[in-house]
Amino acid sequence: MADLRTLLAAGLGVLLGIICLLAPDAVVRGHTVGRRPHDRSGEYGTDATAPDRYRLLVRAVGVGCLLAGGYFGYVALA
């Protein structure tokens, strides 16, 4: 019998992994909400993209979450 908490952890891990892999800019932007911009250049209404280093880190965390979710799902159903 599969434990409900383990299945929920698997689903959450897979969901967070997919979000981190598909939208790393949104994850970085959501993490940095409320912080003052370090530069004031650019036109009004333009959005700067996240640095490549941050996007790569978010994608790596997404792969880790996806792997952890897959492992929890395997353990729960096996």
PDB file of N, CA and C in Angstrom:
ATOM      1  N   MET A   1       0.840  -1.189   0.000  1.00  0.00           N
ATOM      2  CA  MET A   1       0.000   0.000   0.000  1.00  0.00           C
ATOM      3  C   MET A   1       0.880   1.246   0.000  1.00  0.00           C
ATOM      4  N   ALA A   2       0.605   2.148  -0.897  1.00  0.00           N
ATOM      5  CA  ALA A   2       1.403   3.367  -1.027  1.00  0.00           C
ATOM      6  C   ALA A   2       1.021   4.360   0.068  1.00  0.00           C
ATOM      7  N   ASP A   3       2.031   4.922   0.681  1.00  0.00           N
ATOM      8  CA  ASP A   3       1.823   5.935   1.715  1.00  0.00           C
ATOM      9  C   ASP A   3       1.456   7.259   1.045  1.00  0.00           C
ATOM     10  N   LEU A   4       0.434   7.904   1.543  1.00  0.00           N
ATOM     11  CA  LEU A   4      -0.064   9.134   0.934  1.00  0.00           C
ATOM     12  C   LEU A   4       0.985  10.246   0.967  1.00  0.00           C
ATOM     13  N   ARG A   5       1.696  10.368   2.081  1.00  0.00           N
ATOM     14  CA  ARG A   5       2.694  11.432   2.185  1.00  0.00           C
ATOM     15  C   ARG A   5       3.846  11.228   1.202  1.00  0.00           C
ATOM     16  N   THR A   6       4.220   9.984   0.994  1.00  0.00           N
ATOM     17  CA  THR A   6       5.293   9.712   0.047  1.00  0.00           C
ATOM     18  C   THR A   6       4.851  10.018  -1.379  1.00  0.00           C
ATOM     19  N   LEU A   7       3.610   9.678  -1.702  1.00  0.00           N
ATOM     20  CA  LEU A   7       3.093  10.007  -3.031  1.00  0.00           C
ATOM     21  C   LEU A   7       2.983  11.513  -3.232  1.00  0.00           C
ATOM     22  N   LEU A   8       2.569  12.237  -2.199  1.00  0.00           N
ATOM     23  CA  LEU A   8       2.509  13.698  -2.300  1.00  0.00           C
ATOM     24  C   LEU A   8       3.905  14.300  -2.459  1.00  0.00           C
ATOM     25  N   ALA A   9       4.884  13.749  -1.742  1.00  0.00           N
ATOM     26  CA  ALA A   9       6.268  14.223  -1.887  1.00  0.00           C
ATOM     27  C   ALA A   9       6.772  13.961  -3.299  1.00  0.00           C
ATOM     28  N   ALA A  10       6.423  12.815  -3.859  1.00  0.00           N
ATOM     29  CA  ALA A  10       6.827  12.499  -5.228  1.00  0.00           C
ATOM     30  C   ALA A  10       6.196  13.473  -6.215  1.00  0.00           C
ATOM     31  N   GLY A  11       4.921  13.732  -6.058  1.00  0.00           N
ATOM     32  CA  GLY A  11       4.240  14.669  -6.947  1.00  0.00           C
ATOM     33  C   GLY A  11       4.800  16.072  -6.838  1.00  0.00           C
ATOM     34  N   LEU A  12       5.080  16.516  -5.615  1.00  0.00           N
ATOM     35  CA  LEU A  12       5.643  17.849  -5.411  1.00  0.00           C
ATOM     36  C   LEU A  12       7.038  17.948  -6.005  1.00  0.00           C
ATOM     37  N   GLY A  13       7.842  16.915  -5.823  1.00  0.00           N
ATOM     38  CA  GLY A  13       9.186  16.929  -6.390  1.00  0.00           C
ATOM     39  C   GLY A  13       9.172  16.987  -7.901  1.00  0.00           C
ATOM     40  N   VAL A  14       8.304  16.197  -8.513  1.00  0.00           N
ATOM     41  CA  VAL A  14       8.206  16.204  -9.977  1.00  0.00           C
ATOM     42  C   VAL A  14       7.689  17.555 -10.464  1.00  0.00           C
ATOM     43  N   LEU A  15       6.684  18.101  -9.796  1.00  0.00           N
ATOM     44  CA  LEU A  15       6.127  19.394 -10.193  1.00  0.00           C
ATOM     45  C   LEU A  15       7.163  20.511 -10.077  1.00  0.00           C
ATOM     46  N   LEU A  16       7.875  20.569  -8.956  1.00  0.00           N
ATOM     47  CA  LEU A  16       8.903  21.599  -8.795  1.00  0.00           C
ATOM     48  C   LEU A  16      10.032  21.419  -9.802  1.00  0.00           C
ATOM     49  N   GLY A  17      10.385  20.176 -10.084  1.00  0.00           N
ATOM     50  CA  GLY A  17      11.425  19.922 -11.066  1.00  0.00           C
ATOM     51  C   GLY A  17      11.031  20.405 -12.449  1.00  0.00           C
ATOM     52  N   ILE A  18       9.797  20.142 -12.836  1.00  0.00           N
ATOM     53  CA  ILE A  18       9.321  20.575 -14.155  1.00  0.00           C
ATOM     54  C   ILE A  18       9.272  22.093 -14.239  1.00  0.00           C
ATOM     55  N   ILE A  19       8.800  22.729 -13.173  1.00  0.00           N
ATOM     56  CA  ILE A  19       8.737  24.195 -13.169  1.00  0.00           C
ATOM     57  C   ILE A  19      10.140  24.792 -13.271  1.00  0.00           C
ATOM     58  N   CYS A  20      11.079  24.244 -12.523  1.00  0.00           N
ATOM     59  CA  CYS A  20      12.451  24.765 -12.566  1.00  0.00           C
ATOM     60  C   CYS A  20      13.100  24.543 -13.928  1.00  0.00           C
ATOM     61  N   LEU A  21      12.774  23.446 -14.584  1.00  0.00           N
ATOM     62  CA  LEU A  21      13.366  23.185 -15.890  1.00  0.00           C
ATOM     63  C   LEU A  21      12.736  24.017 -17.002  1.00  0.00           C
ATOM     64  N   LEU A  22      11.427  24.230 -16.930  1.00  0.00           N
ATOM     65  CA  LEU A  22      10.738  24.932 -18.004  1.00  0.00           C
ATOM     66  C   LEU A  22      10.771  26.455 -17.870  1.00  0.00           C
ATOM     67  N   ALA A  23      10.814  26.961 -16.644  1.00  0.00           N
ATOM     68  CA  ALA A  23      10.757  28.411 -16.447  1.00  0.00           C
ATOM     69  C   ALA A  23      11.778  28.885 -15.406  1.00  0.00           C
ATOM     70  N   PRO A  24      13.070  28.748 -15.695  1.00  0.00           N
ATOM     71  CA  PRO A  24      14.067  29.164 -14.698  1.00  0.00           C
ATOM     72  C   PRO A  24      14.069  30.678 -14.454  1.00  0.00           C
ATOM     73  N   ASP A  25      13.733  31.471 -15.479  1.00  0.00           N
ATOM     74  CA  ASP A  25      13.680  32.924 -15.275  1.00  0.00           C
ATOM     75  C   ASP A  25      12.584  33.307 -14.290  1.00  0.00           C
ATOM     76  N   ALA A  26      11.447  32.652 -14.372  1.00  0.00           N
ATOM     77  CA  ALA A  26      10.349  32.941 -13.451  1.00  0.00           C
ATOM     78  C   ALA A  26      10.717  32.552 -12.023  1.00  0.00           C
ATOM     79  N   VAL A  27      11.456  31.468 -11.866  1.00  0.00           N
ATOM     80  CA  VAL A  27      11.873  31.044 -10.528  1.00  0.00           C
ATOM     81  C   VAL A  27      12.846  32.057  -9.937  1.00  0.00           C
ATOM     82  N   VAL A  28      13.807  32.506 -10.736  1.00  0.00           N
ATOM     83  CA  VAL A  28      14.764  33.507 -10.249  1.00  0.00           C
ATOM     84  C   VAL A  28      14.047  34.813  -9.938  1.00  0.00           C
ATOM     85  N   ARG A  29      13.136  35.226 -10.802  1.00  0.00           N
ATOM     86  CA  ARG A  29      12.395  36.467 -10.573  1.00  0.00           C
ATOM     87  C   ARG A  29      11.539  36.359  -9.306  1.00  0.00           C
ATOM     88  N   GLY A  30      10.904  35.227  -9.106  1.00  0.00           N
ATOM     89  CA  GLY A  30      10.104  35.031  -7.894  1.00  0.00           C
ATOM     90  C   GLY A  30      10.952  35.003  -6.638  1.00  0.00           C
ATOM     91  N   HIS A  31      12.168  34.496  -6.754  1.00  0.00           N
ATOM     92  CA  HIS A  31      13.056  34.452  -5.592  1.00  0.00           C
ATOM     93  C   HIS A  31      13.579  35.836  -5.222  1.00  0.00           C
ATOM     94  N   THR A  32      13.723  36.709  -6.200  1.00  0.00           N
ATOM     95  CA  THR A  32      14.306  38.019  -5.935  1.00  0.00           C
ATOM     96  C   THR A  32      13.267  39.139  -5.841  1.00  0.00           C
ATOM     97  N   VAL A  33      12.017  38.808  -5.654  1.00  0.00           N
ATOM     98  CA  VAL A  33      10.963  39.829  -5.543  1.00  0.00           C
ATOM     99  C   VAL A  33      11.213  40.692  -4.309  1.00  0.00           C
ATOM    100  N   GLY A  34      11.085  41.982  -4.478  1.00  0.00           N
ATOM    101  CA  GLY A  34      11.213  42.905  -3.353  1.00  0.00           C
ATOM    102  C   GLY A  34      12.618  43.418  -3.120  1.00  0.00           C
ATOM    103  N   ARG A  35      13.573  42.920  -3.845  1.00  0.00           N
ATOM    104  CA  ARG A  35      14.936  43.407  -3.681  1.00  0.00           C
ATOM    105  C   ARG A  35      15.176  44.565  -4.634  1.00  0.00           C
ATOM    106  N   ARG A  36      15.968  45.497  -4.183  1.00  0.00           N
ATOM    107  CA  ARG A  36      16.236  46.674  -5.002  1.00  0.00           C
ATOM    108  C   ARG A  36      17.090  46.303  -6.199  1.00  0.00           C
ATOM    109  N   PRO A  37      16.835  46.918  -7.351  1.00  0.00           N
ATOM    110  CA  PRO A  37      17.676  46.638  -8.523  1.00  0.00           C
ATOM    111  C   PRO A  37      19.085  47.178  -8.314  1.00  0.00           C
ATOM    112  N   HIS A  38      20.064  46.476  -8.828  1.00  0.00           N
ATOM    113  CA  HIS A  38      21.441  46.914  -8.667  1.00  0.00           C
ATOM    114  C   HIS A  38      21.846  47.949  -9.702  1.00  0.00           C
ATOM    115  N   ASP A  39      21.077  48.056 -10.751  1.00  0.00           N
ATOM    116  CA  ASP A  39      21.359  49.098 -11.731  1.00  0.00           C
ATOM    117  C   ASP A  39      20.047  49.773 -12.121  1.00  0.00           C
ATOM    118  N   ARG A  40      20.134  51.009 -12.480  1.00  0.00           N
ATOM    119  CA  ARG A  40      18.935  51.788 -12.823  1.00  0.00           C
ATOM    120  C   ARG A  40      18.887  52.113 -14.305  1.00  0.00           C
ATOM    121  N   SER A  41      19.622  51.408 -15.126  1.00  0.00           N
ATOM    122  CA  SER A  41      19.641  51.721 -16.549  1.00  0.00           C
ATOM    123  C   SER A  41      18.535  50.969 -17.270  1.00  0.00           C
ATOM    124  N   GLY A  42      18.237  51.395 -18.474  1.00  0.00           N
ATOM    125  CA  GLY A  42      17.230  50.724 -19.284  1.00  0.00           C
ATOM    126  C   GLY A  42      15.973  51.552 -19.409  1.00  0.00           C
ATOM    127  N   GLU A  43      15.126  51.130 -20.311  1.00  0.00           N
ATOM    128  CA  GLU A  43      13.867  51.809 -20.547  1.00  0.00           C
ATOM    129  C   GLU A  43      12.831  51.394 -19.510  1.00  0.00           C
ATOM    130  N   TYR A  44      11.861  52.259 -19.302  1.00  0.00           N
ATOM    131  CA  TYR A  44      10.774  51.951 -18.373  1.00  0.00           C
ATOM    132  C   TYR A  44       9.969  50.768 -18.902  1.00  0.00           C
ATOM    133  N   GLY A  45       9.741  49.799 -18.067  1.00  0.00           N
ATOM    134  CA  GLY A  45       8.934  48.648 -18.434  1.00  0.00           C
ATOM    135  C   GLY A  45       9.707  47.489 -19.027  1.00  0.00           C
ATOM    136  N   THR A  46      11.004  47.622 -19.167  1.00  0.00           N
ATOM    137  CA  THR A  46      11.787  46.505 -19.704  1.00  0.00           C
ATOM    138  C   THR A  46      12.204  45.589 -18.562  1.00  0.00           C
ATOM    139  N   ASP A  47      12.251  44.313 -18.855  1.00  0.00           N
ATOM    140  CA  ASP A  47      12.683  43.331 -17.870  1.00  0.00           C
ATOM    141  C   ASP A  47      14.041  42.784 -18.275  1.00  0.00           C
ATOM    142  N   ALA A  48      14.921  42.736 -17.329  1.00  0.00           N
ATOM    143  CA  ALA A  48      16.220  42.136 -17.577  1.00  0.00           C
ATOM    144  C   ALA A  48      16.112  40.630 -17.358  1.00  0.00           C
ATOM    145  N   THR A  49      16.811  39.870 -18.160  1.00  0.00           N
ATOM    146  CA  THR A  49      16.810  38.421 -17.968  1.00  0.00           C
ATOM    147  C   THR A  49      17.783  38.067 -16.854  1.00  0.00           C
ATOM    148  N   ALA A  50      17.545  36.931 -16.266  1.00  0.00           N
ATOM    149  CA  ALA A  50      18.417  36.453 -15.196  1.00  0.00           C
ATOM    150  C   ALA A  50      19.763  36.039 -15.786  1.00  0.00           C
ATOM    151  N   PRO A  51      20.828  36.202 -15.018  1.00  0.00           N
ATOM    152  CA  PRO A  51      22.143  35.767 -15.516  1.00  0.00           C
ATOM    153  C   PRO A  51      22.154  34.259 -15.805  1.00  0.00           C
ATOM    154  N   ASP A  52      22.985  33.863 -16.744  1.00  0.00           N
ATOM    155  CA  ASP A  52      23.063  32.458 -17.137  1.00  0.00           C
ATOM    156  C   ASP A  52      23.459  31.559 -15.969  1.00  0.00           C
ATOM    157  N   ARG A  53      24.286  32.072 -15.078  1.00  0.00           N
ATOM    158  CA  ARG A  53      24.725  31.290 -13.918  1.00  0.00           C
ATOM    159  C   ARG A  53      23.534  30.913 -13.037  1.00  0.00           C
ATOM    160  N   TYR A  54      22.627  31.853 -12.807  1.00  0.00           N
ATOM    161  CA  TYR A  54      21.459  31.587 -11.971  1.00  0.00           C
ATOM    162  C   TYR A  54      20.498  30.618 -12.656  1.00  0.00           C
ATOM    163  N   ARG A  55      20.310  30.802 -13.956  1.00  0.00           N
ATOM    164  CA  ARG A  55      19.420  29.891 -14.682  1.00  0.00           C
ATOM    165  C   ARG A  55      19.965  28.472 -14.693  1.00  0.00           C
ATOM    166  N   LEU A  56      21.269  28.332 -14.839  1.00  0.00           N
ATOM    167  CA  LEU A  56      21.878  27.007 -14.798  1.00  0.00           C
ATOM    168  C   LEU A  56      21.722  26.369 -13.420  1.00  0.00           C
ATOM    169  N   LEU A  57      21.889  27.163 -12.378  1.00  0.00           N
ATOM    170  CA  LEU A  57      21.706  26.654 -11.013  1.00  0.00           C
ATOM    171  C   LEU A  57      20.264  26.208 -10.779  1.00  0.00           C
ATOM    172  N   VAL A  58      19.301  26.993 -11.245  1.00  0.00           N
ATOM    173  CA  VAL A  58      17.890  26.633 -11.074  1.00  0.00           C
ATOM    174  C   VAL A  58      17.568  25.358 -11.850  1.00  0.00           C
ATOM    175  N   ARG A  59      18.125  25.221 -13.034  1.00  0.00           N
ATOM    176  CA  ARG A  59      17.900  23.994 -13.808  1.00  0.00           C
ATOM    177  C   ARG A  59      18.517  22.788 -13.124  1.00  0.00           C
ATOM    178  N   ALA A  60      19.683  22.956 -12.509  1.00  0.00           N
ATOM    179  CA  ALA A  60      20.309  21.846 -11.782  1.00  0.00           C
ATOM    180  C   ALA A  60      19.459  21.439 -10.577  1.00  0.00           C
ATOM    181  N   VAL A  61      18.919  22.420  -9.875  1.00  0.00           N
ATOM    182  CA  VAL A  61      18.009  22.119  -8.762  1.00  0.00           C
ATOM    183  C   VAL A  61      16.757  21.427  -9.286  1.00  0.00           C
ATOM    184  N   GLY A  62      16.275  21.832 -10.452  1.00  0.00           N
ATOM    185  CA  GLY A  62      15.113  21.187 -11.062  1.00  0.00           C
ATOM    186  C   GLY A  62      15.367  19.733 -11.386  1.00  0.00           C
ATOM    187  N   VAL A  63      16.546  19.430 -11.903  1.00  0.00           N
ATOM    188  CA  VAL A  63      16.892  18.032 -12.178  1.00  0.00           C
ATOM    189  C   VAL A  63      16.947  17.242 -10.879  1.00  0.00           C
ATOM    190  N   GLY A  64      17.514  17.833  -9.840  1.00  0.00           N
ATOM    191  CA  GLY A  64      17.561  17.163  -8.538  1.00  0.00           C
ATOM    192  C   GLY A  64      16.174  16.893  -7.982  1.00  0.00           C
ATOM    193  N   CYS A  65      15.286  17.878  -8.084  1.00  0.00           N
ATOM    194  CA  CYS A  65      13.908  17.683  -7.606  1.00  0.00           C
ATOM    195  C   CYS A  65      13.187  16.619  -8.423  1.00  0.00           C
ATOM    196  N   LEU A  66      13.419  16.609  -9.714  1.00  0.00           N
ATOM    197  CA  LEU A  66      12.795  15.609 -10.571  1.00  0.00           C
ATOM    198  C   LEU A  66      13.291  14.205 -10.227  1.00  0.00           C
ATOM    199  N   LEU A  67      14.574  14.071  -9.994  1.00  0.00           N
ATOM    200  CA  LEU A  67      15.124  12.774  -9.607  1.00  0.00           C
ATOM    201  C   LEU A  67      14.611  12.336  -8.229  1.00  0.00           C
ATOM    202  N   ALA A  68      14.549  13.270  -7.286  1.00  0.00           N
ATOM    203  CA  ALA A  68      14.038  12.930  -5.957  1.00  0.00           C
ATOM    204  C   ALA A  68      12.565  12.540  -6.025  1.00  0.00           C
ATOM    205  N   GLY A  69      11.781  13.260  -6.808  1.00  0.00           N
ATOM    206  CA  GLY A  69      10.374  12.915  -6.962  1.00  0.00           C
ATOM    207  C   GLY A  69      10.189  11.552  -7.600  1.00  0.00           C
ATOM    208  N   GLY A  70      11.008  11.248  -8.598  1.00  0.00           N
ATOM    209  CA  GLY A  70      10.951   9.930  -9.217  1.00  0.00           C
ATOM    210  C   GLY A  70      11.330   8.826  -8.245  1.00  0.00           C
ATOM    211  N   TYR A  71      12.332   9.086  -7.427  1.00  0.00           N
ATOM    212  CA  TYR A  71      12.743   8.095  -6.422  1.00  0.00           C
ATOM    213  C   TYR A  71      11.633   7.868  -5.399  1.00  0.00           C
ATOM    214  N   PHE A  72      11.044   8.955  -4.904  1.00  0.00           N
ATOM    215  CA  PHE A  72       9.960   8.803  -3.921  1.00  0.00           C
ATOM    216  C   PHE A  72       8.771   8.075  -4.521  1.00  0.00           C
ATOM    217  N   GLY A  73       8.467   8.370  -5.767  1.00  0.00           N
ATOM    218  CA  GLY A  73       7.375   7.664  -6.421  1.00  0.00           C
ATOM    219  C   GLY A  73       7.678   6.185  -6.592  1.00  0.00           C
ATOM    220  N   TYR A  74       8.902   5.856  -6.947  1.00  0.00           N
ATOM    221  CA  TYR A  74       9.310   4.456  -7.090  1.00  0.00           C
ATOM    222  C   TYR A  74       9.221   3.719  -5.751  1.00  0.00           C
ATOM    223  N   VAL A  75       9.714   4.367  -4.685  1.00  0.00           N
ATOM    224  CA  VAL A  75       9.672   3.752  -3.366  1.00  0.00           C
ATOM    225  C   VAL A  75       8.234   3.559  -2.896  1.00  0.00           C
ATOM    226  N   ALA A  76       7.383   4.545  -3.181  1.00  0.00           N
ATOM    227  CA  ALA A  76       5.992   4.451  -2.722  1.00  0.00           C
ATOM    228  C   ALA A  76       5.220   3.357  -3.450  1.00  0.00           C
ATOM    229  N   LEU A  77       5.518   3.171  -4.710  1.00  0.00           N
ATOM    230  CA  LEU A  77       4.745   2.199  -5.499  1.00  0.00           C
ATOM    231  C   LEU A  77       5.380   0.819  -5.552  1.00  0.00           C
ATOM    232  N   ALA A  78       6.639   0.701  -5.158  1.00  0.00           N
ATOM    233  CA  ALA A  78       7.301  -0.611  -5.200  1.00  0.00           C
ATOM    234  C   ALA A  78       7.048  -1.418  -3.957  1.00  0.00           C
TER     235      ALA A  78
END
